[in-house]
Amino acid sequence: MFNEATRPLRAKNVCQVLGHELLPKNVEGIRAELKRLVELGALIEADTGSFARKQ
């Protein structure tokens, strides 16, 4: 989904795309995964809470 995104995505957007309910536990779980991907260098945090593919 990040390859096709034209703008940075928020954890809530990723939950919707993946078909998860927008419950706080689901959003926070996705946010933690996105932060982990930032640490691994796969994504960047473009703005606080917004994640994008590393160029």
PDB file of N, CA and C in Angstrom:
ATOM      1  N   MET A   1       0.808  -1.190   0.000  1.00  0.00           N
ATOM      2  CA  MET A   1       0.000   0.000   0.000  1.00  0.00           C
ATOM      3  C   MET A   1       0.852   1.255   0.000  1.00  0.00           C
ATOM      4  N   PHE A   2       2.041   1.191   0.597  1.00  0.00           N
ATOM      5  CA  PHE A   2       2.918   2.371   0.630  1.00  0.00           C
ATOM      6  C   PHE A   2       3.506   2.659  -0.754  1.00  0.00           C
ATOM      7  N   ASN A   3       3.651   1.635  -1.585  1.00  0.00           N
ATOM      8  CA  ASN A   3       4.173   1.856  -2.937  1.00  0.00           C
ATOM      9  C   ASN A   3       3.185   2.647  -3.788  1.00  0.00           C
ATOM     10  N   GLU A   4       1.901   2.477  -3.522  1.00  0.00           N
ATOM     11  CA  GLU A   4       0.872   3.130  -4.325  1.00  0.00           C
ATOM     12  C   GLU A   4       0.368   4.435  -3.702  1.00  0.00           C
ATOM     13  N   ALA A   5       0.777   4.711  -2.470  1.00  0.00           N
ATOM     14  CA  ALA A   5       0.292   5.908  -1.775  1.00  0.00           C
ATOM     15  C   ALA A   5       0.924   7.164  -2.369  1.00  0.00           C
ATOM     16  N   THR A   6       0.111   8.198  -2.497  1.00  0.00           N
ATOM     17  CA  THR A   6       0.605   9.470  -3.030  1.00  0.00           C
ATOM     18  C   THR A   6       0.952  10.450  -1.922  1.00  0.00           C
ATOM     19  N   ARG A   7       0.632  10.071  -0.684  1.00  0.00           N
ATOM     20  CA  ARG A   7       0.932  10.911   0.467  1.00  0.00           C
ATOM     21  C   ARG A   7       1.223   9.991   1.654  1.00  0.00           C
ATOM     22  N   PRO A   8       1.817  10.514   2.700  1.00  0.00           N
ATOM     23  CA  PRO A   8       2.066   9.686   3.888  1.00  0.00           C
ATOM     24  C   PRO A   8       0.758   9.162   4.478  1.00  0.00           C
ATOM     25  N   LEU A   9       0.822   7.969   5.046  1.00  0.00           N
ATOM     26  CA  LEU A   9      -0.351   7.333   5.629  1.00  0.00           C
ATOM     27  C   LEU A   9      -0.261   7.352   7.152  1.00  0.00           C
ATOM     28  N   ARG A  10      -1.411   7.450   7.776  1.00  0.00           N
ATOM     29  CA  ARG A  10      -1.495   7.379   9.229  1.00  0.00           C
ATOM     30  C   ARG A  10      -1.899   5.951   9.607  1.00  0.00           C
ATOM     31  N   ALA A  11      -1.680   5.586  10.847  1.00  0.00           N
ATOM     32  CA  ALA A  11      -1.996   4.231  11.314  1.00  0.00           C
ATOM     33  C   ALA A  11      -3.470   3.908  11.086  1.00  0.00           C
ATOM     34  N   LYS A  12      -4.333   4.885  11.251  1.00  0.00           N
ATOM     35  CA  LYS A  12      -5.767   4.672  11.044  1.00  0.00           C
ATOM     36  C   LYS A  12      -6.059   4.304   9.588  1.00  0.00           C
ATOM     37  N   ASN A  13      -5.362   4.946   8.637  1.00  0.00           N
ATOM     38  CA  ASN A  13      -5.530   4.625   7.218  1.00  0.00           C
ATOM     39  C   ASN A  13      -5.098   3.198   6.932  1.00  0.00           C
ATOM     40  N   VAL A  14      -3.979   2.791   7.526  1.00  0.00           N
ATOM     41  CA  VAL A  14      -3.452   1.441   7.306  1.00  0.00           C
ATOM     42  C   VAL A  14      -4.440   0.412   7.860  1.00  0.00           C
ATOM     43  N   CYS A  15      -5.030   0.680   9.017  1.00  0.00           N
ATOM     44  CA  CYS A  15      -6.038  -0.219   9.589  1.00  0.00           C
ATOM     45  C   CYS A  15      -7.215  -0.398   8.624  1.00  0.00           C
ATOM     46  N   GLN A  16      -7.670   0.692   8.050  1.00  0.00           N
ATOM     47  CA  GLN A  16      -8.793   0.623   7.119  1.00  0.00           C
ATOM     48  C   GLN A  16      -8.446  -0.212   5.898  1.00  0.00           C
ATOM     49  N   VAL A  17      -7.261   0.005   5.345  1.00  0.00           N
ATOM     50  CA  VAL A  17      -6.840  -0.738   4.157  1.00  0.00           C
ATOM     51  C   VAL A  17      -6.734  -2.229   4.464  1.00  0.00           C
ATOM     52  N   LEU A  18      -6.248  -2.559   5.652  1.00  0.00           N
ATOM     53  CA  LEU A  18      -6.086  -3.956   6.041  1.00  0.00           C
ATOM     54  C   LEU A  18      -7.392  -4.601   6.498  1.00  0.00           C
ATOM     55  N   GLY A  19      -8.446  -3.801   6.633  1.00  0.00           N
ATOM     56  CA  GLY A  19      -9.750  -4.338   7.005  1.00  0.00           C
ATOM     57  C   GLY A  19      -9.934  -4.544   8.498  1.00  0.00           C
ATOM     58  N   HIS A  20      -9.088  -3.922   9.317  1.00  0.00           N
ATOM     59  CA  HIS A  20      -9.234  -4.013  10.770  1.00  0.00           C
ATOM     60  C   HIS A  20     -10.263  -2.997  11.249  1.00  0.00           C
ATOM     61  N   GLU A  21     -10.939  -3.349  12.349  1.00  0.00           N
ATOM     62  CA  GLU A  21     -11.849  -2.386  12.960  1.00  0.00           C
ATOM     63  C   GLU A  21     -11.027  -1.226  13.515  1.00  0.00           C
ATOM     64  N   LEU A  22     -11.600  -0.053  13.513  1.00  0.00           N
ATOM     65  CA  LEU A  22     -10.882   1.126  13.997  1.00  0.00           C
ATOM     66  C   LEU A  22     -10.995   1.250  15.515  1.00  0.00           C
ATOM     67  N   LEU A  23     -10.554   0.221  16.188  1.00  0.00           N
ATOM     68  CA  LEU A  23     -10.508   0.222  17.645  1.00  0.00           C
ATOM     69  C   LEU A  23      -9.138   0.716  18.085  1.00  0.00           C
ATOM     70  N   PRO A  24      -9.068   1.386  19.229  1.00  0.00           N
ATOM     71  CA  PRO A  24      -7.772   1.899  19.689  1.00  0.00           C
ATOM     72  C   PRO A  24      -6.681   0.838  19.762  1.00  0.00           C
ATOM     73  N   LYS A  25      -7.007  -0.377  20.189  1.00  0.00           N
ATOM     74  CA  LYS A  25      -5.989  -1.426  20.283  1.00  0.00           C
ATOM     75  C   LYS A  25      -5.450  -1.807  18.903  1.00  0.00           C
ATOM     76  N   ASN A  26      -6.291  -1.787  17.892  1.00  0.00           N
ATOM     77  CA  ASN A  26      -5.835  -2.115  16.539  1.00  0.00           C
ATOM     78  C   ASN A  26      -4.968  -0.993  15.962  1.00  0.00           C
ATOM     79  N   VAL A  27      -5.403   0.246  16.157  1.00  0.00           N
ATOM     80  CA  VAL A  27      -4.653   1.389  15.633  1.00  0.00           C
ATOM     81  C   VAL A  27      -3.284   1.467  16.309  1.00  0.00           C
ATOM     82  N   GLU A  28      -3.252   1.276  17.625  1.00  0.00           N
ATOM     83  CA  GLU A  28      -1.977   1.334  18.348  1.00  0.00           C
ATOM     84  C   GLU A  28      -1.055   0.188  17.952  1.00  0.00           C
ATOM     85  N   GLY A  29      -1.615  -0.980  17.689  1.00  0.00           N
ATOM     86  CA  GLY A  29      -0.805  -2.112  17.235  1.00  0.00           C
ATOM     87  C   GLY A  29      -0.172  -1.837  15.880  1.00  0.00           C
ATOM     88  N   ILE A  30      -0.945  -1.270  14.971  1.00  0.00           N
ATOM     89  CA  ILE A  30      -0.422  -0.916  13.650  1.00  0.00           C
ATOM     90  C   ILE A  30       0.623   0.180  13.785  1.00  0.00           C
ATOM     91  N   ARG A  31       0.361   1.166  14.637  1.00  0.00           N
ATOM     92  CA  ARG A  31       1.317   2.257  14.843  1.00  0.00           C
ATOM     93  C   ARG A  31       2.654   1.706  15.355  1.00  0.00           C
ATOM     94  N   ALA A  32       2.598   0.743  16.260  1.00  0.00           N
ATOM     95  CA  ALA A  32       3.824   0.130  16.786  1.00  0.00           C
ATOM     96  C   ALA A  32       4.584  -0.596  15.673  1.00  0.00           C
ATOM     97  N   GLU A  33       3.856  -1.292  14.800  1.00  0.00           N
ATOM     98  CA  GLU A  33       4.499  -1.975  13.671  1.00  0.00           C
ATOM     99  C   GLU A  33       5.137  -0.969  12.711  1.00  0.00           C
ATOM    100  N   LEU A  34       4.441   0.124  12.446  1.00  0.00           N
ATOM    101  CA  LEU A  34       4.980   1.149  11.555  1.00  0.00           C
ATOM    102  C   LEU A  34       6.234   1.775  12.149  1.00  0.00           C
ATOM    103  N   LYS A  35       6.216   2.027  13.445  1.00  0.00           N
ATOM    104  CA  LYS A  35       7.411   2.579  14.112  1.00  0.00           C
ATOM    105  C   LYS A  35       8.575   1.595  14.023  1.00  0.00           C
ATOM    106  N   ARG A  36       8.285   0.306  14.145  1.00  0.00           N
ATOM    107  CA  ARG A  36       9.319  -0.722  14.026  1.00  0.00           C
ATOM    108  C   ARG A  36       9.909  -0.722  12.615  1.00  0.00           C
ATOM    109  N   LEU A  37       9.063  -0.541  11.615  1.00  0.00           N
ATOM    110  CA  LEU A  37       9.550  -0.476  10.237  1.00  0.00           C
ATOM    111  C   LEU A  37      10.395   0.769  10.000  1.00  0.00           C
ATOM    112  N   VAL A  38      10.101   1.847  10.714  1.00  0.00           N
ATOM    113  CA  VAL A  38      10.934   3.050  10.638  1.00  0.00           C
ATOM    114  C   VAL A  38      12.310   2.747  11.215  1.00  0.00           C
ATOM    115  N   GLU A  39      12.342   2.071  12.364  1.00  0.00           N
ATOM    116  CA  GLU A  39      13.622   1.714  12.987  1.00  0.00           C
ATOM    117  C   GLU A  39      14.457   0.804  12.093  1.00  0.00           C
ATOM    118  N   LEU A  40      13.784  -0.077  11.338  1.00  0.00           N
ATOM    119  CA  LEU A  40      14.485  -0.995  10.433  1.00  0.00           C
ATOM    120  C   LEU A  40      14.894  -0.319   9.123  1.00  0.00           C
ATOM    121  N   GLY A  41      14.410   0.887   8.888  1.00  0.00           N
ATOM    122  CA  GLY A  41      14.782   1.629   7.693  1.00  0.00           C
ATOM    123  C   GLY A  41      13.903   1.377   6.480  1.00  0.00           C
ATOM    124  N   ALA A  42      12.789   0.674   6.661  1.00  0.00           N
ATOM    125  CA  ALA A  42      11.893   0.391   5.536  1.00  0.00           C
ATOM    126  C   ALA A  42      10.945   1.560   5.252  1.00  0.00           C
ATOM    127  N   LEU A  43      10.587   2.304   6.293  1.00  0.00           N
ATOM    128  CA  LEU A  43       9.698   3.452   6.160  1.00  0.00           C
ATOM    129  C   LEU A  43      10.350   4.661   6.804  1.00  0.00           C
ATOM    130  N   ILE A  44       9.772   5.814   6.540  1.00  0.00           N
ATOM    131  CA  ILE A  44      10.183   7.032   7.246  1.00  0.00           C
ATOM    132  C   ILE A  44       8.948   7.614   7.914  1.00  0.00           C
ATOM    133  N   GLU A  45       9.164   8.337   8.991  1.00  0.00           N
ATOM    134  CA  GLU A  45       8.065   9.047   9.628  1.00  0.00           C
ATOM    135  C   GLU A  45       8.121  10.475   9.102  1.00  0.00           C
ATOM    136  N   ALA A  46       7.287  10.749   8.087  1.00  0.00           N
ATOM    137  CA  ALA A  46       7.317  12.028   7.384  1.00  0.00           C
ATOM    138  C   ALA A  46       6.948  13.176   8.317  1.00  0.00           C
ATOM    139  N   ASP A  47       5.999  12.951   9.154  1.00  0.00           N
ATOM    140  CA  ASP A  47       5.542  13.923  10.134  1.00  0.00           C
ATOM    141  C   ASP A  47       5.104  13.087  11.331  1.00  0.00           C
ATOM    142  N   THR A  48       4.893  13.680  12.464  1.00  0.00           N
ATOM    143  CA  THR A  48       4.498  12.906  13.632  1.00  0.00           C
ATOM    144  C   THR A  48       3.236  12.126  13.325  1.00  0.00           C
ATOM    145  N   GLY A  49       3.332  10.807  13.329  1.00  0.00           N
ATOM    146  CA  GLY A  49       2.176   9.947  13.086  1.00  0.00           C
ATOM    147  C   GLY A  49       1.889   9.663  11.631  1.00  0.00           C
ATOM    148  N   SER A  50       2.662  10.195  10.713  1.00  0.00           N
ATOM    149  CA  SER A  50       2.468   9.954   9.276  1.00  0.00           C
ATOM    150  C   SER A  50       3.671   9.186   8.739  1.00  0.00           C
ATOM    151  N   PHE A  51       3.395   8.099   8.061  1.00  0.00           N
ATOM    152  CA  PHE A  51       4.458   7.213   7.597  1.00  0.00           C
ATOM    153  C   PHE A  51       4.431   7.102   6.083  1.00  0.00           C
ATOM    154  N   ALA A  52       5.628   7.024   5.501  1.00  0.00           N
ATOM    155  CA  ALA A  52       5.760   6.944   4.049  1.00  0.00           C
ATOM    156  C   ALA A  52       6.884   5.992   3.705  1.00  0.00           C
ATOM    157  N   ARG A  53       6.888   5.548   2.462  1.00  0.00           N
ATOM    158  CA  ARG A  53       7.953   4.691   1.964  1.00  0.00           C
ATOM    159  C   ARG A  53       9.240   5.489   1.840  1.00  0.00           C
ATOM    160  N   LYS A  54      10.326   4.856   2.182  1.00  0.00           N
ATOM    161  CA  LYS A  54      11.624   5.512   2.069  1.00  0.00           C
ATOM    162  C   LYS A  54      11.962   5.666   0.588  1.00  0.00           C
ATOM    163  N   GLN A  55      12.350   6.845   0.181  1.00  0.00           N
ATOM    164  CA  GLN A  55      12.639   7.113  -1.243  1.00  0.00           C
ATOM    165  C   GLN A  55      13.973   6.553  -1.652  1.00  0.00           C
TER     166      GLN A  55
END
